[in-house]
C-alpha atoms as a PDB file:
ATOM      1  CA  UNK A   1     -82.254 -35.794 -19.242  1.00  0.00           C
ATOM      2  CA  UNK A   2     -85.750 -36.896 -20.293  1.00  0.00           C
ATOM      3  CA  UNK A   3     -88.721 -34.782 -21.452  1.00  0.00           C
ATOM      4  CA  UNK A   4     -90.191 -34.442 -17.964  1.00  0.00           C
ATOM      5  CA  UNK A   5     -86.855 -33.265 -16.549  1.00  0.00           C
ATOM      6  CA  UNK A   6     -86.433 -30.834 -19.457  1.00  0.00           C
ATOM      7  CA  UNK A   7     -89.889 -29.328 -18.858  1.00  0.00           C
ATOM      8  CA  UNK A   8     -89.156 -29.141 -15.138  1.00  0.00           C
ATOM      9  CA  UNK A   9     -85.809 -27.385 -15.742  1.00  0.00           C
ATOM     10  CA  UNK A  10     -87.653 -24.795 -17.854  1.00  0.00           C
ATOM     11  CA  UNK A  11     -90.481 -24.431 -15.325  1.00  0.00           C
ATOM     12  CA  UNK A  12     -93.120 -25.769 -17.728  1.00  0.00           C
ATOM     13  CA  UNK A  13     -96.260 -27.797 -17.144  1.00  0.00           C
ATOM     14  CA  UNK A  14     -97.335 -30.673 -19.367  1.00  0.00           C
ATOM     15  CA  UNK A  15     -99.548 -28.386 -21.493  1.00  0.00           C
ATOM     16  CA  UNK A  16     -96.754 -25.953 -22.421  1.00  0.00           C
ATOM     17  CA  UNK A  17     -96.014 -25.474 -26.114  1.00  0.00           C
ATOM     18  CA  UNK A  18     -92.600 -25.377 -27.744  1.00  0.00           C
ATOM     19  CA  UNK A  19     -93.016 -21.600 -28.054  1.00  0.00           C
ATOM     20  CA  UNK A  20     -93.624 -21.483 -24.269  1.00  0.00           C
ATOM     21  CA  UNK A  21     -90.464 -23.549 -23.769  1.00  0.00           C
ATOM     22  CA  UNK A  22     -88.440 -21.126 -25.890  1.00  0.00           C
ATOM     23  CA  UNK A  23     -89.764 -18.074 -24.022  1.00  0.00           C
ATOM     24  CA  UNK A  24     -89.043 -19.689 -20.666  1.00  0.00           C
ATOM     25  CA  UNK A  25     -85.571 -20.731 -21.819  1.00  0.00           C
ATOM     26  CA  UNK A  26     -84.662 -17.199 -22.898  1.00  0.00           C
ATOM     27  CA  UNK A  27     -85.872 -15.671 -19.643  1.00  0.00           C
ATOM     28  CA  UNK A  28     -84.128 -18.273 -17.474  1.00  0.00           C
ATOM     29  CA  UNK A  29     -80.840 -17.999 -19.397  1.00  0.00           C
ATOM     30  CA  UNK A  30     -81.013 -14.231 -19.000  1.00  0.00           C
ATOM     31  CA  UNK A  31     -81.419 -14.650 -15.212  1.00  0.00           C
ATOM     32  CA  UNK A  32     -78.932 -17.484 -14.695  1.00  0.00           C
ATOM     33  CA  UNK A  33     -76.089 -16.751 -17.111  1.00  0.00           C
ATOM     34  CA  UNK A  34     -72.720 -16.908 -15.278  1.00  0.00           C
ATOM     35  CA  UNK A  35     -72.016 -13.271 -16.202  1.00  0.00           C
ATOM     36  CA  UNK A  36     -75.051 -12.328 -14.105  1.00  0.00           C
ATOM     37  CA  UNK A  37     -75.492 -15.150 -11.577  1.00  0.00           C
ATOM     38  CA  UNK A  38     -71.820 -15.948 -11.045  1.00  0.00           C
ATOM     39  CA  UNK A  39     -70.297 -19.409 -10.932  1.00  0.00           C
ATOM     40  CA  UNK A  40     -73.551 -21.015  -9.753  1.00  0.00           C
ATOM     41  CA  UNK A  41     -75.188 -19.897 -12.984  1.00  0.00           C
ATOM     42  CA  UNK A  42     -72.856 -21.981 -15.159  1.00  0.00           C
ATOM     43  CA  UNK A  43     -74.376 -25.311 -14.130  1.00  0.00           C
ATOM     44  CA  UNK A  44     -77.902 -23.942 -14.443  1.00  0.00           C
ATOM     45  CA  UNK A  45     -77.193 -22.494 -17.901  1.00  0.00           C
ATOM     46  CA  UNK A  46     -75.798 -25.823 -19.115  1.00  0.00           C
ATOM     47  CA  UNK A  47     -78.933 -27.593 -17.838  1.00  0.00           C
ATOM     48  CA  UNK A  48     -81.192 -25.024 -19.541  1.00  0.00           C
ATOM     49  CA  UNK A  49     -79.292 -25.461 -22.827  1.00  0.00           C
ATOM     50  CA  UNK A  50     -79.680 -29.230 -22.578  1.00  0.00           C
ATOM     51  CA  UNK A  51     -83.390 -28.906 -21.823  1.00  0.00           C
ATOM     52  CA  UNK A  52     -84.248 -26.640 -24.758  1.00  0.00           C
ATOM     53  CA  UNK A  53     -82.045 -28.663 -27.119  1.00  0.00           C
ATOM     54  CA  UNK A  54     -83.896 -31.850 -26.152  1.00  0.00           C
ATOM     55  CA  UNK A  55     -87.333 -30.274 -26.562  1.00  0.00           C
ATOM     56  CA  UNK A  56     -86.436 -28.738 -29.921  1.00  0.00           C
ATOM     57  CA  UNK A  57     -84.797 -31.911 -31.222  1.00  0.00           C
ATOM     58  CA  UNK A  58     -87.454 -34.300 -29.883  1.00  0.00           C
ATOM     59  CA  UNK A  59     -90.551 -32.329 -28.891  1.00  0.00           C
ATOM     60  CA  UNK A  60     -92.127 -35.479 -27.437  1.00  0.00           C
ATOM     61  CA  UNK A  61     -95.195 -34.662 -25.371  1.00  0.00           C
ATOM     62  CA  UNK A  62     -94.701 -30.883 -25.671  1.00  0.00           C
ATOM     63  CA  UNK A  63     -97.146 -29.579 -28.323  1.00  0.00           C
ATOM     64  CA  UNK A  64     -95.221 -27.943 -31.157  1.00  0.00           C
ATOM     65  CA  UNK A  65     -98.026 -26.096 -32.939  1.00  0.00           C
ATOM     66  CA  UNK A  66     -97.663 -25.052 -36.565  1.00  0.00           C
ATOM     67  CA  UNK A  67     -93.948 -24.124 -36.439  1.00  0.00           C
ATOM     68  CA  UNK A  68     -92.328 -25.196 -39.704  1.00  0.00           C
ATOM     69  CA  UNK A  69     -88.669 -25.853 -40.284  1.00  0.00           C
ATOM     70  CA  UNK A  70     -87.168 -22.548 -41.422  1.00  0.00           C
ATOM     71  CA  UNK A  71     -85.775 -22.131 -44.907  1.00  0.00           C
ATOM     72  CA  UNK A  72     -82.134 -21.004 -44.813  1.00  0.00           C
ATOM     73  CA  UNK A  73     -79.729 -19.449 -47.301  1.00  0.00           C
ATOM     74  CA  UNK A  74     -76.017 -18.964 -46.693  1.00  0.00           C
ATOM     75  CA  UNK A  75     -74.815 -15.569 -47.960  1.00  0.00           C
ATOM     76  CA  UNK A  76     -71.132 -14.771 -47.287  1.00  0.00           C
ATOM     77  CA  UNK A  77     -70.791 -14.550 -43.490  1.00  0.00           C
ATOM     78  CA  UNK A  78     -74.540 -14.535 -42.824  1.00  0.00           C
ATOM     79  CA  UNK A  79     -77.508 -16.888 -42.767  1.00  0.00           C
ATOM     80  CA  UNK A  80     -80.853 -15.649 -44.044  1.00  0.00           C
ATOM     81  CA  UNK A  81     -83.519 -17.622 -42.255  1.00  0.00           C
ATOM     82  CA  UNK A  82     -87.266 -17.557 -42.849  1.00  0.00           C
ATOM     83  CA  UNK A  83     -88.215 -17.325 -39.176  1.00  0.00           C
ATOM     84  CA  UNK A  84     -88.879 -14.586 -36.638  1.00  0.00           C
ATOM     85  CA  UNK A  85     -85.811 -13.545 -34.649  1.00  0.00           C
ATOM     86  CA  UNK A  86     -87.227 -14.646 -31.277  1.00  0.00           C
ATOM     87  CA  UNK A  87     -87.868 -18.160 -32.610  1.00  0.00           C
ATOM     88  CA  UNK A  88     -84.451 -18.311 -34.244  1.00  0.00           C
ATOM     89  CA  UNK A  89     -82.635 -17.053 -31.150  1.00  0.00           C
ATOM     90  CA  UNK A  90     -83.321 -20.128 -29.031  1.00  0.00           C
ATOM     91  CA  UNK A  91     -82.534 -22.443 -31.947  1.00  0.00           C
ATOM     92  CA  UNK A  92     -79.214 -20.694 -32.508  1.00  0.00           C
ATOM     93  CA  UNK A  93     -78.341 -20.845 -28.804  1.00  0.00           C
ATOM     94  CA  UNK A  94     -78.918 -24.597 -28.816  1.00  0.00           C
ATOM     95  CA  UNK A  95     -76.997 -25.037 -32.105  1.00  0.00           C
ATOM     96  CA  UNK A  96     -74.034 -23.080 -30.768  1.00  0.00           C
ATOM     97  CA  UNK A  97     -73.919 -25.411 -27.782  1.00  0.00           C
ATOM     98  CA  UNK A  98     -73.675 -28.360 -30.193  1.00  0.00           C
ATOM     99  CA  UNK A  99     -71.035 -26.827 -32.496  1.00  0.00           C
ATOM    100  CA  UNK A 100     -69.118 -25.213 -29.629  1.00  0.00           C
ATOM    101  CA  UNK A 101     -69.846 -23.825 -26.181  1.00  0.00           C
ATOM    102  CA  UNK A 102     -72.300 -20.977 -25.741  1.00  0.00           C
ATOM    103  CA  UNK A 103     -70.542 -18.465 -23.483  1.00  0.00           C
ATOM    104  CA  UNK A 104     -72.811 -15.411 -23.555  1.00  0.00           C
ATOM    105  CA  UNK A 105     -76.268 -14.528 -24.775  1.00  0.00           C
ATOM    106  CA  UNK A 106     -78.393 -11.394 -24.713  1.00  0.00           C
ATOM    107  CA  UNK A 107     -81.807 -12.023 -26.236  1.00  0.00           C
ATOM    108  CA  UNK A 108     -82.853  -8.396 -25.785  1.00  0.00           C
ATOM    109  CA  UNK A 109     -80.496  -7.384 -28.606  1.00  0.00           C
ATOM    110  CA  UNK A 110     -80.156 -10.705 -30.482  1.00  0.00           C
ATOM    111  CA  UNK A 111     -76.521 -11.283 -29.538  1.00  0.00           C
ATOM    112  CA  UNK A 112     -74.722 -14.569 -28.827  1.00  0.00           C
ATOM    113  CA  UNK A 113     -71.109 -15.605 -28.246  1.00  0.00           C
ATOM    114  CA  UNK A 114     -69.588 -19.071 -28.332  1.00  0.00           C
ATOM    115  CA  UNK A 115     -66.219 -20.776 -28.284  1.00  0.00           C
ATOM    116  CA  UNK A 116     -65.834 -22.981 -31.343  1.00  0.00           C
ATOM    117  CA  UNK A 117     -63.156 -25.293 -32.632  1.00  0.00           C
ATOM    118  CA  UNK A 118     -63.528 -27.390 -35.754  1.00  0.00           C
ATOM    119  CA  UNK A 119     -61.232 -30.359 -36.125  1.00  0.00           C
ATOM    120  CA  UNK A 120     -57.736 -29.511 -34.925  1.00  0.00           C
ATOM    121  CA  UNK A 121     -58.193 -25.734 -35.227  1.00  0.00           C
ATOM    122  CA  UNK A 122     -57.499 -23.429 -32.323  1.00  0.00           C
ATOM    123  CA  UNK A 123     -60.450 -22.425 -30.150  1.00  0.00           C
ATOM    124  CA  UNK A 124     -61.989 -19.220 -31.462  1.00  0.00           C
ATOM    125  CA  UNK A 125     -64.642 -16.777 -30.327  1.00  0.00           C
ATOM    126  CA  UNK A 126     -67.723 -16.675 -32.525  1.00  0.00           C
ATOM    127  CA  UNK A 127     -70.018 -13.670 -32.287  1.00  0.00           C
ATOM    128  CA  UNK A 128     -73.536 -13.887 -33.725  1.00  0.00           C
ATOM    129  CA  UNK A 129     -75.915 -10.954 -34.073  1.00  0.00           C
ATOM    130  CA  UNK A 130     -79.471 -11.197 -35.341  1.00  0.00           C
ATOM    131  CA  UNK A 131     -81.359  -8.637 -37.393  1.00  0.00           C
ATOM    132  CA  UNK A 132     -85.050  -9.027 -38.200  1.00  0.00           C
ATOM    133  CA  UNK A 133     -85.848  -8.176 -41.819  1.00  0.00           C
ATOM    134  CA  UNK A 134     -89.583  -8.554 -42.377  1.00  0.00           C
ATOM    135  CA  UNK A 135     -90.510 -12.247 -42.495  1.00  0.00           C
ATOM    136  CA  UNK A 136     -86.925 -13.428 -42.178  1.00  0.00           C
ATOM    137  CA  UNK A 137     -83.972 -12.955 -39.871  1.00  0.00           C
ATOM    138  CA  UNK A 138     -80.359 -12.424 -40.802  1.00  0.00           C
ATOM    139  CA  UNK A 139     -77.747 -13.983 -38.538  1.00  0.00           C
ATOM    140  CA  UNK A 140     -74.351 -12.302 -38.945  1.00  0.00           C
ATOM    141  CA  UNK A 141     -71.203 -14.105 -37.803  1.00  0.00           C
ATOM    142  CA  UNK A 142     -67.712 -12.918 -36.832  1.00  0.00           C
ATOM    143  CA  UNK A 143     -64.881 -15.222 -35.766  1.00  0.00           C
ATOM    144  CA  UNK A 144     -61.632 -14.408 -33.970  1.00  0.00           C
ATOM    145  CA  UNK A 145     -58.884 -16.774 -32.859  1.00  0.00           C
ATOM    146  CA  UNK A 146     -58.288 -17.049 -29.110  1.00  0.00           C
ATOM    147  CA  UNK A 147     -54.621 -17.927 -29.727  1.00  0.00           C
ATOM    148  CA  UNK A 148     -51.893 -17.195 -32.213  1.00  0.00           C
ATOM    149  CA  UNK A 149     -53.004 -19.838 -34.699  1.00  0.00           C
ATOM    150  CA  UNK A 150     -55.407 -19.219 -37.542  1.00  0.00           C
ATOM    151  CA  UNK A 151     -59.065 -19.715 -36.595  1.00  0.00           C
ATOM    152  CA  UNK A 152     -61.228 -22.218 -38.459  1.00  0.00           C
ATOM    153  CA  UNK A 153     -62.734 -20.995 -41.707  1.00  0.00           C
ATOM    154  CA  UNK A 154     -65.817 -18.892 -40.918  1.00  0.00           C
ATOM    155  CA  UNK A 155     -67.791 -20.428 -43.798  1.00  0.00           C
ATOM    156  CA  UNK A 156     -67.143 -23.915 -42.371  1.00  0.00           C
ATOM    157  CA  UNK A 157     -68.341 -22.813 -38.931  1.00  0.00           C
ATOM    158  CA  UNK A 158     -71.510 -21.218 -40.360  1.00  0.00           C
ATOM    159  CA  UNK A 159     -72.228 -24.359 -42.416  1.00  0.00           C
ATOM    160  CA  UNK A 160     -71.815 -26.528 -39.289  1.00  0.00           C
ATOM    161  CA  UNK A 161     -74.290 -24.310 -37.425  1.00  0.00           C
ATOM    162  CA  UNK A 162     -76.739 -24.416 -40.346  1.00  0.00           C
ATOM    163  CA  UNK A 163     -76.587 -28.223 -40.364  1.00  0.00           C
ATOM    164  CA  UNK A 164     -77.529 -28.319 -36.675  1.00  0.00           C
ATOM    165  CA  UNK A 165     -80.357 -25.812 -37.161  1.00  0.00           C
END
């Protein structure tokens, strides 16, 4: 996928900003998620995730404006991030698709789910919930094994996500 295809997938024109791309992404994922749109939504959701990940990783011709890289601190099972929750939401969705597979998202309440597996560990369900706290957002993580084996260490999963962010 190139920049033009990414903008097209998100319904953006050439003048759209990265903030516009994030807003469009959230709305389109909400409409096309397989839990809402059925099996046809799976392919669309994957394409939307690829599009926003490309534009966030390599903004290319999409104007990015004054958005700075957020400062992050790891605290137990949470990340404290100096960014508004709506900005962080799309970044987290893209990061979860890199570290695992995003399986559910609800931007209206700042909730995401993903299947993750680090190394040889058993696939596990990761739940992320966001809470806005003034100028920063807290991302809380919970991890549960999908099998009988022990899930990967939650701190390792959170660190992997932070590296992608």
